[in-house]
Amino acid sequence: MTDIYKKITDLNSRYGNESSEFEEDLVEHLKKKFPNQYKLSLEDLKNDGSDDPEMEMTPSRFADHIGDKGEEFLKEYEAVLKKLNE
């Protein structure tokens, strides 16, 4: 597991998101902050044969294309989880 995916897993554990209960909220927030990564992730899902790529989108898919914005991505990810846990 690469570093960013490990950090996502750690954040999910810390904020009680192991069951991905906040996944839809995370995706909505992240697609606004990282629209290019969202588009690339949608293309991946389409190329993988997804019938409904938007429904299959996960925060980890963003990480596949995050590049040098990894720290910013993790900060946004954590901010959403904090807000949802208030």
PDB file of N, CA and C in Angstrom:
ATOM      1  N   MET A   1       0.861  -1.179   0.000  1.00  0.00           N
ATOM      2  CA  MET A   1       0.000   0.000   0.000  1.00  0.00           C
ATOM      3  C   MET A   1       0.905   1.238   0.000  1.00  0.00           C
ATOM      4  N   THR A   2       0.649   2.125  -0.947  1.00  0.00           N
ATOM      5  CA  THR A   2       1.476   3.321  -0.997  1.00  0.00           C
ATOM      6  C   THR A   2       1.106   4.263   0.133  1.00  0.00           C
ATOM      7  N   ASP A   3       1.936   5.225   0.329  1.00  0.00           N
ATOM      8  CA  ASP A   3       1.822   6.143   1.455  1.00  0.00           C
ATOM      9  C   ASP A   3       0.469   6.851   1.536  1.00  0.00           C
ATOM     10  N   ILE A   4      -0.027   7.395   0.426  1.00  0.00           N
ATOM     11  CA  ILE A   4      -1.284   8.153   0.478  1.00  0.00           C
ATOM     12  C   ILE A   4      -2.459   7.238   0.833  1.00  0.00           C
ATOM     13  N   TYR A   5      -2.447   6.021   0.333  1.00  0.00           N
ATOM     14  CA  TYR A   5      -3.539   5.093   0.649  1.00  0.00           C
ATOM     15  C   TYR A   5      -3.480   4.666   2.114  1.00  0.00           C
ATOM     16  N   LYS A   6      -2.281   4.521   2.633  1.00  0.00           N
ATOM     17  CA  LYS A   6      -2.114   4.196   4.062  1.00  0.00           C
ATOM     18  C   LYS A   6      -2.642   5.347   4.917  1.00  0.00           C
ATOM     19  N   LYS A   7      -2.337   6.568   4.515  1.00  0.00           N
ATOM     20  CA  LYS A   7      -2.813   7.738   5.255  1.00  0.00           C
ATOM     21  C   LYS A   7      -4.338   7.849   5.193  1.00  0.00           C
ATOM     22  N   ILE A   8      -4.928   7.533   4.053  1.00  0.00           N
ATOM     23  CA  ILE A   8      -6.392   7.531   3.942  1.00  0.00           C
ATOM     24  C   ILE A   8      -6.974   6.507   4.908  1.00  0.00           C
ATOM     25  N   THR A   9      -6.390   5.327   4.932  1.00  0.00           N
ATOM     26  CA  THR A   9      -6.845   4.270   5.846  1.00  0.00           C
ATOM     27  C   THR A   9      -6.716   4.712   7.291  1.00  0.00           C
ATOM     28  N   ASP A  10      -5.596   5.361   7.617  1.00  0.00           N
ATOM     29  CA  ASP A  10      -5.386   5.854   8.986  1.00  0.00           C
ATOM     30  C   ASP A  10      -6.427   6.909   9.361  1.00  0.00           C
ATOM     31  N   LEU A  11      -6.716   7.828   8.451  1.00  0.00           N
ATOM     32  CA  LEU A  11      -7.726   8.857   8.717  1.00  0.00           C
ATOM     33  C   LEU A  11      -9.106   8.230   8.898  1.00  0.00           C
ATOM     34  N   ASN A  12      -9.423   7.254   8.059  1.00  0.00           N
ATOM     35  CA  ASN A  12     -10.712   6.579   8.198  1.00  0.00           C
ATOM     36  C   ASN A  12     -10.830   5.905   9.560  1.00  0.00           C
ATOM     37  N   SER A  13      -9.756   5.288  10.001  1.00  0.00           N
ATOM     38  CA  SER A  13      -9.765   4.636  11.319  1.00  0.00           C
ATOM     39  C   SER A  13      -9.910   5.659  12.433  1.00  0.00           C
ATOM     40  N   ARG A  14      -9.172   6.746  12.329  1.00  0.00           N
ATOM     41  CA  ARG A  14      -9.186   7.776  13.370  1.00  0.00           C
ATOM     42  C   ARG A  14     -10.568   8.402  13.532  1.00  0.00           C
ATOM     43  N   TYR A  15     -11.266   8.585  12.420  1.00  0.00           N
ATOM     44  CA  TYR A  15     -12.564   9.262  12.472  1.00  0.00           C
ATOM     45  C   TYR A  15     -13.745   8.304  12.358  1.00  0.00           C
ATOM     46  N   GLY A  16     -13.491   7.017  12.490  1.00  0.00           N
ATOM     47  CA  GLY A  16     -14.570   6.046  12.493  1.00  0.00           C
ATOM     48  C   GLY A  16     -15.258   5.877  11.162  1.00  0.00           C
ATOM     49  N   ASN A  17     -14.495   5.962  10.089  1.00  0.00           N
ATOM     50  CA  ASN A  17     -15.078   5.865   8.754  1.00  0.00           C
ATOM     51  C   ASN A  17     -14.690   4.553   8.066  1.00  0.00           C
ATOM     52  N   GLU A  18     -14.434   3.503   8.847  1.00  0.00           N
ATOM     53  CA  GLU A  18     -14.014   2.243   8.245  1.00  0.00           C
ATOM     54  C   GLU A  18     -15.065   1.674   7.307  1.00  0.00           C
ATOM     55  N   SER A  19     -16.318   1.924   7.582  1.00  0.00           N
ATOM     56  CA  SER A  19     -17.393   1.384   6.751  1.00  0.00           C
ATOM     57  C   SER A  19     -17.721   2.299   5.576  1.00  0.00           C
ATOM     58  N   SER A  20     -16.953   3.335   5.388  1.00  0.00           N
ATOM     59  CA  SER A  20     -17.146   4.294   4.290  1.00  0.00           C
ATOM     60  C   SER A  20     -18.490   4.998   4.365  1.00  0.00           C
ATOM     61  N   GLU A  21     -18.977   5.201   5.559  1.00  0.00           N
ATOM     62  CA  GLU A  21     -20.283   5.837   5.713  1.00  0.00           C
ATOM     63  C   GLU A  21     -20.309   7.275   5.200  1.00  0.00           C
ATOM     64  N   PHE A  22     -19.164   7.916   5.135  1.00  0.00           N
ATOM     65  CA  PHE A  22     -19.094   9.303   4.681  1.00  0.00           C
ATOM     66  C   PHE A  22     -18.579   9.423   3.251  1.00  0.00           C
ATOM     67  N   GLU A  23     -18.475   8.305   2.552  1.00  0.00           N
ATOM     68  CA  GLU A  23     -17.852   8.297   1.241  1.00  0.00           C
ATOM     69  C   GLU A  23     -18.521   9.259   0.259  1.00  0.00           C
ATOM     70  N   GLU A  24     -19.827   9.281   0.229  1.00  0.00           N
ATOM     71  CA  GLU A  24     -20.540  10.151  -0.706  1.00  0.00           C
ATOM     72  C   GLU A  24     -20.235  11.622  -0.421  1.00  0.00           C
ATOM     73  N   ASP A  25     -20.235  12.006   0.857  1.00  0.00           N
ATOM     74  CA  ASP A  25     -19.903  13.390   1.227  1.00  0.00           C
ATOM     75  C   ASP A  25     -18.462  13.725   0.869  1.00  0.00           C
ATOM     76  N   LEU A  26     -17.568  12.781   1.090  1.00  0.00           N
ATOM     77  CA  LEU A  26     -16.167  12.997   0.741  1.00  0.00           C
ATOM     78  C   LEU A  26     -16.005  13.206  -0.758  1.00  0.00           C
ATOM     79  N   VAL A  27     -16.630  12.365  -1.538  1.00  0.00           N
ATOM     80  CA  VAL A  27     -16.522  12.478  -2.996  1.00  0.00           C
ATOM     81  C   VAL A  27     -17.070  13.817  -3.464  1.00  0.00           C
ATOM     82  N   GLU A  28     -18.204  14.237  -2.947  1.00  0.00           N
ATOM     83  CA  GLU A  28     -18.787  15.526  -3.341  1.00  0.00           C
ATOM     84  C   GLU A  28     -17.838  16.679  -3.043  1.00  0.00           C
ATOM     85  N   HIS A  29     -17.237  16.661  -1.868  1.00  0.00           N
ATOM     86  CA  HIS A  29     -16.303  17.720  -1.485  1.00  0.00           C
ATOM     87  C   HIS A  29     -15.046  17.674  -2.358  1.00  0.00           C
ATOM     88  N   LEU A  30     -14.495  16.486  -2.523  1.00  0.00           N
ATOM     89  CA  LEU A  30     -13.242  16.349  -3.267  1.00  0.00           C
ATOM     90  C   LEU A  30     -13.401  16.679  -4.743  1.00  0.00           C
ATOM     91  N   LYS A  31     -14.552  16.387  -5.318  1.00  0.00           N
ATOM     92  CA  LYS A  31     -14.708  16.691  -6.746  1.00  0.00           C
ATOM     93  C   LYS A  31     -14.750  18.202  -6.991  1.00  0.00           C
ATOM     94  N   LYS A  32     -15.180  18.969  -5.999  1.00  0.00           N
ATOM     95  CA  LYS A  32     -15.151  20.430  -6.127  1.00  0.00           C
ATOM     96  C   LYS A  32     -13.724  20.957  -5.975  1.00  0.00           C
ATOM     97  N   LYS A  33     -12.969  20.343  -5.070  1.00  0.00           N
ATOM     98  CA  LYS A  33     -11.596  20.800  -4.804  1.00  0.00           C
ATOM     99  C   LYS A  33     -10.597  20.296  -5.846  1.00  0.00           C
ATOM    100  N   PHE A  34     -10.874  19.120  -6.411  1.00  0.00           N
ATOM    101  CA  PHE A  34      -9.938  18.492  -7.344  1.00  0.00           C
ATOM    102  C   PHE A  34     -10.681  18.031  -8.602  1.00  0.00           C
ATOM    103  N   PRO A  35     -11.212  18.991  -9.385  1.00  0.00           N
ATOM    104  CA  PRO A  35     -12.036  18.618 -10.540  1.00  0.00           C
ATOM    105  C   PRO A  35     -11.280  17.843 -11.619  1.00  0.00           C
ATOM    106  N   ASN A  36     -10.015  18.158 -11.832  1.00  0.00           N
ATOM    107  CA  ASN A  36      -9.255  17.430 -12.855  1.00  0.00           C
ATOM    108  C   ASN A  36      -9.050  15.972 -12.462  1.00  0.00           C
ATOM    109  N   GLN A  37      -8.741  15.744 -11.200  1.00  0.00           N
ATOM    110  CA  GLN A  37      -8.557  14.378 -10.719  1.00  0.00           C
ATOM    111  C   GLN A  37      -9.879  13.607 -10.785  1.00  0.00           C
ATOM    112  N   TYR A  38     -10.972  14.309 -10.519  1.00  0.00           N
ATOM    113  CA  TYR A  38     -12.292  13.692 -10.612  1.00  0.00           C
ATOM    114  C   TYR A  38     -12.559  13.229 -12.044  1.00  0.00           C
ATOM    115  N   LYS A  39     -12.291  14.105 -13.005  1.00  0.00           N
ATOM    116  CA  LYS A  39     -12.520  13.760 -14.408  1.00  0.00           C
ATOM    117  C   LYS A  39     -11.666  12.571 -14.832  1.00  0.00           C
ATOM    118  N   LEU A  40     -10.403  12.564 -14.417  1.00  0.00           N
ATOM    119  CA  LEU A  40      -9.517  11.451 -14.753  1.00  0.00           C
ATOM    120  C   LEU A  40     -10.000  10.146 -14.117  1.00  0.00           C
ATOM    121  N   SER A  41     -10.480  10.253 -12.905  1.00  0.00           N
ATOM    122  CA  SER A  41     -10.993   9.065 -12.208  1.00  0.00           C
ATOM    123  C   SER A  41     -12.250   8.528 -12.877  1.00  0.00           C
ATOM    124  N   LEU A  42     -13.116   9.431 -13.325  1.00  0.00           N
ATOM    125  CA  LEU A  42     -14.314   9.002 -14.062  1.00  0.00           C
ATOM    126  C   LEU A  42     -13.933   8.272 -15.343  1.00  0.00           C
ATOM    127  N   GLU A  43     -12.938   8.798 -16.026  1.00  0.00           N
ATOM    128  CA  GLU A  43     -12.478   8.152 -17.253  1.00  0.00           C
ATOM    129  C   GLU A  43     -11.948   6.747 -16.959  1.00  0.00           C
ATOM    130  N   ASP A  44     -11.207   6.601 -15.858  1.00  0.00           N
ATOM    131  CA  ASP A  44     -10.717   5.272 -15.463  1.00  0.00           C
ATOM    132  C   ASP A  44     -11.873   4.309 -15.270  1.00  0.00           C
ATOM    133  N   LEU A  45     -12.880   4.765 -14.544  1.00  0.00           N
ATOM    134  CA  LEU A  45     -14.034   3.900 -14.288  1.00  0.00           C
ATOM    135  C   LEU A  45     -14.754   3.521 -15.584  1.00  0.00           C
ATOM    136  N   LYS A  46     -14.905   4.498 -16.480  1.00  0.00           N
ATOM    137  CA  LYS A  46     -15.537   4.209 -17.769  1.00  0.00           C
ATOM    138  C   LYS A  46     -14.711   3.187 -18.543  1.00  0.00           C
ATOM    139  N   ASN A  47     -13.393   3.386 -18.541  1.00  0.00           N
ATOM    140  CA  ASN A  47     -12.507   2.469 -19.252  1.00  0.00           C
ATOM    141  C   ASN A  47     -12.506   1.075 -18.624  1.00  0.00           C
ATOM    142  N   ASP A  48     -12.807   0.998 -17.340  1.00  0.00           N
ATOM    143  CA  ASP A  48     -12.890  -0.293 -16.648  1.00  0.00           C
ATOM    144  C   ASP A  48     -14.241  -0.967 -16.871  1.00  0.00           C
ATOM    145  N   GLY A  49     -15.122  -0.310 -17.631  1.00  0.00           N
ATOM    146  CA  GLY A  49     -16.403  -0.905 -17.967  1.00  0.00           C
ATOM    147  C   GLY A  49     -17.545  -0.569 -17.029  1.00  0.00           C
ATOM    148  N   SER A  50     -17.372   0.455 -16.214  1.00  0.00           N
ATOM    149  CA  SER A  50     -18.429   0.833 -15.280  1.00  0.00           C
ATOM    150  C   SER A  50     -19.659   1.343 -16.022  1.00  0.00           C
ATOM    151  N   ASP A  51     -20.828   0.894 -15.585  1.00  0.00           N
ATOM    152  CA  ASP A  51     -22.078   1.370 -16.154  1.00  0.00           C
ATOM    153  C   ASP A  51     -22.467   2.726 -15.579  1.00  0.00           C
ATOM    154  N   ASP A  52     -22.047   2.989 -14.360  1.00  0.00           N
ATOM    155  CA  ASP A  52     -22.388   4.245 -13.682  1.00  0.00           C
ATOM    156  C   ASP A  52     -21.173   4.735 -12.881  1.00  0.00           C
ATOM    157  N   PRO A  53     -20.202   5.336 -13.567  1.00  0.00           N
ATOM    158  CA  PRO A  53     -18.950   5.738 -12.909  1.00  0.00           C
ATOM    159  C   PRO A  53     -19.140   6.697 -11.741  1.00  0.00           C
ATOM    160  N   GLU A  54     -20.127   7.579 -11.826  1.00  0.00           N
ATOM    161  CA  GLU A  54     -20.325   8.530 -10.726  1.00  0.00           C
ATOM    162  C   GLU A  54     -20.755   7.819  -9.450  1.00  0.00           C
ATOM    163  N   MET A  55     -21.533   6.756  -9.575  1.00  0.00           N
ATOM    164  CA  MET A  55     -21.981   6.003  -8.399  1.00  0.00           C
ATOM    165  C   MET A  55     -20.854   5.140  -7.816  1.00  0.00           C
ATOM    166  N   GLU A  56     -19.876   4.796  -8.647  1.00  0.00           N
ATOM    167  CA  GLU A  56     -18.781   3.938  -8.203  1.00  0.00           C
ATOM    168  C   GLU A  56     -17.550   4.730  -7.751  1.00  0.00           C
ATOM    169  N   MET A  57     -17.632   6.047  -7.824  1.00  0.00           N
ATOM    170  CA  MET A  57     -16.496   6.894  -7.455  1.00  0.00           C
ATOM    171  C   MET A  57     -16.227   6.783  -5.962  1.00  0.00           C
ATOM    172  N   THR A  58     -14.946   6.678  -5.624  1.00  0.00           N
ATOM    173  CA  THR A  58     -14.513   6.639  -4.227  1.00  0.00           C
ATOM    174  C   THR A  58     -13.401   7.654  -4.028  1.00  0.00           C
ATOM    175  N   PRO A  59     -13.169   8.087  -2.790  1.00  0.00           N
ATOM    176  CA  PRO A  59     -12.057   8.999  -2.535  1.00  0.00           C
ATOM    177  C   PRO A  59     -10.708   8.433  -2.979  1.00  0.00           C
ATOM    178  N   SER A  60     -10.547   7.133  -2.870  1.00  0.00           N
ATOM    179  CA  SER A  60      -9.281   6.516  -3.289  1.00  0.00           C
ATOM    180  C   SER A  60      -9.021   6.690  -4.768  1.00  0.00           C
ATOM    181  N   ARG A  61     -10.070   6.772  -5.553  1.00  0.00           N
ATOM    182  CA  ARG A  61      -9.898   6.995  -6.994  1.00  0.00           C
ATOM    183  C   ARG A  61      -9.226   8.343  -7.265  1.00  0.00           C
ATOM    184  N   PHE A  62      -9.549   9.346  -6.452  1.00  0.00           N
ATOM    185  CA  PHE A  62      -8.886  10.652  -6.589  1.00  0.00           C
ATOM    186  C   PHE A  62      -7.389  10.498  -6.353  1.00  0.00           C
ATOM    187  N   ALA A  63      -7.058   9.708  -5.342  1.00  0.00           N
ATOM    188  CA  ALA A  63      -5.658   9.527  -4.966  1.00  0.00           C
ATOM    189  C   ALA A  63      -4.850   8.919  -6.112  1.00  0.00           C
ATOM    190  N   ASP A  64      -5.496   8.147  -6.967  1.00  0.00           N
ATOM    191  CA  ASP A  64      -4.805   7.562  -8.120  1.00  0.00           C
ATOM    192  C   ASP A  64      -4.211   8.631  -9.025  1.00  0.00           C
ATOM    193  N   HIS A  65      -4.786   9.824  -9.015  1.00  0.00           N
ATOM    194  CA  HIS A  65      -4.368  10.891  -9.932  1.00  0.00           C
ATOM    195  C   HIS A  65      -3.921  12.165  -9.205  1.00  0.00           C
ATOM    196  N   ILE A  66      -3.701  12.087  -7.918  1.00  0.00           N
ATOM    197  CA  ILE A  66      -3.472  13.305  -7.131  1.00  0.00           C
ATOM    198  C   ILE A  66      -2.100  13.932  -7.373  1.00  0.00           C
ATOM    199  N   GLY A  67      -1.120  13.138  -7.751  1.00  0.00           N
ATOM    200  CA  GLY A  67       0.210  13.670  -8.068  1.00  0.00           C
ATOM    201  C   GLY A  67       0.823  14.440  -6.918  1.00  0.00           C
ATOM    202  N   ASP A  68       1.255  15.670  -7.195  1.00  0.00           N
ATOM    203  CA  ASP A  68       1.949  16.477  -6.188  1.00  0.00           C
ATOM    204  C   ASP A  68       0.996  17.212  -5.242  1.00  0.00           C
ATOM    205  N   LYS A  69      -0.284  16.931  -5.336  1.00  0.00           N
ATOM    206  CA  LYS A  69      -1.259  17.571  -4.447  1.00  0.00           C
ATOM    207  C   LYS A  69      -1.679  16.642  -3.301  1.00  0.00           C
ATOM    208  N   GLY A  70      -0.854  15.651  -3.009  1.00  0.00           N
ATOM    209  CA  GLY A  70      -1.177  14.664  -1.991  1.00  0.00           C
ATOM    210  C   GLY A  70      -1.446  15.250  -0.618  1.00  0.00           C
ATOM    211  N   GLU A  71      -0.597  16.169  -0.185  1.00  0.00           N
ATOM    212  CA  GLU A  71      -0.780  16.766   1.145  1.00  0.00           C
ATOM    213  C   GLU A  71      -2.064  17.588   1.206  1.00  0.00           C
ATOM    214  N   GLU A  72      -2.332  18.349   0.162  1.00  0.00           N
ATOM    215  CA  GLU A  72      -3.564  19.140   0.099  1.00  0.00           C
ATOM    216  C   GLU A  72      -4.784  18.216   0.113  1.00  0.00           C
ATOM    217  N   PHE A  73      -4.701  17.126  -0.636  1.00  0.00           N
ATOM    218  CA  PHE A  73      -5.774  16.139  -0.678  1.00  0.00           C
ATOM    219  C   PHE A  73      -6.044  15.574   0.724  1.00  0.00           C
ATOM    220  N   LEU A  74      -4.986  15.188   1.421  1.00  0.00           N
ATOM    221  CA  LEU A  74      -5.149  14.611   2.760  1.00  0.00           C
ATOM    222  C   LEU A  74      -5.716  15.618   3.748  1.00  0.00           C
ATOM    223  N   LYS A  75      -5.323  16.881   3.627  1.00  0.00           N
ATOM    224  CA  LYS A  75      -5.874  17.921   4.507  1.00  0.00           C
ATOM    225  C   LYS A  75      -7.373  18.092   4.257  1.00  0.00           C
ATOM    226  N   GLU A  76      -7.768  18.118   3.010  1.00  0.00           N
ATOM    227  CA  GLU A  76      -9.189  18.247   2.666  1.00  0.00           C
ATOM    228  C   GLU A  76      -9.975  17.028   3.143  1.00  0.00           C
ATOM    229  N   TYR A  77      -9.396  15.874   2.940  1.00  0.00           N
ATOM    230  CA  TYR A  77     -10.031  14.618   3.353  1.00  0.00           C
ATOM    231  C   TYR A  77     -10.280  14.631   4.859  1.00  0.00           C
ATOM    232  N   GLU A  78      -9.255  15.000   5.617  1.00  0.00           N
ATOM    233  CA  GLU A  78      -9.390  15.046   7.071  1.00  0.00           C
ATOM    234  C   GLU A  78     -10.387  16.119   7.504  1.00  0.00           C
ATOM    235  N   ALA A  79     -10.365  17.267   6.836  1.00  0.00           N
ATOM    236  CA  ALA A  79     -11.288  18.354   7.189  1.00  0.00           C
ATOM    237  C   ALA A  79     -12.752  17.902   7.047  1.00  0.00           C
ATOM    238  N   VAL A  80     -13.043  17.166   5.995  1.00  0.00           N
ATOM    239  CA  VAL A  80     -14.399  16.684   5.782  1.00  0.00           C
ATOM    240  C   VAL A  80     -14.777  15.681   6.882  1.00  0.00           C
ATOM    241  N   LEU A  81     -13.879  14.771   7.185  1.00  0.00           N
ATOM    242  CA  LEU A  81     -14.177  13.783   8.230  1.00  0.00           C
ATOM    243  C   LEU A  81     -14.375  14.461   9.580  1.00  0.00           C
ATOM    244  N   LYS A  82     -13.566  15.464   9.883  1.00  0.00           N
ATOM    245  CA  LYS A  82     -13.746  16.204  11.150  1.00  0.00           C
ATOM    246  C   LYS A  82     -15.123  16.850  11.195  1.00  0.00           C
ATOM    247  N   LYS A  83     -15.471  17.525  10.114  1.00  0.00           N
ATOM    248  CA  LYS A  83     -16.759  18.221  10.053  1.00  0.00           C
ATOM    249  C   LYS A  83     -17.924  17.240  10.202  1.00  0.00           C
ATOM    250  N   LEU A  84     -17.827  16.108   9.549  1.00  0.00           N
ATOM    251  CA  LEU A  84     -18.898  15.122   9.596  1.00  0.00           C
ATOM    252  C   LEU A  84     -19.013  14.448  10.946  1.00  0.00           C
ATOM    253  N   ASN A  85     -17.945  14.516  11.729  1.00  0.00           N
ATOM    254  CA  ASN A  85     -17.954  13.890  13.062  1.00  0.00           C
ATOM    255  C   ASN A  85     -18.332  14.858  14.169  1.00  0.00           C
ATOM    256  N   GLU A  86     -18.637  16.097  13.828  1.00  0.00           N
ATOM    257  CA  GLU A  86     -19.007  17.099  14.849  1.00  0.00           C
ATOM    258  C   GLU A  86     -20.389  16.833  15.384  1.00  0.00           C
TER     259      GLU A  86
END
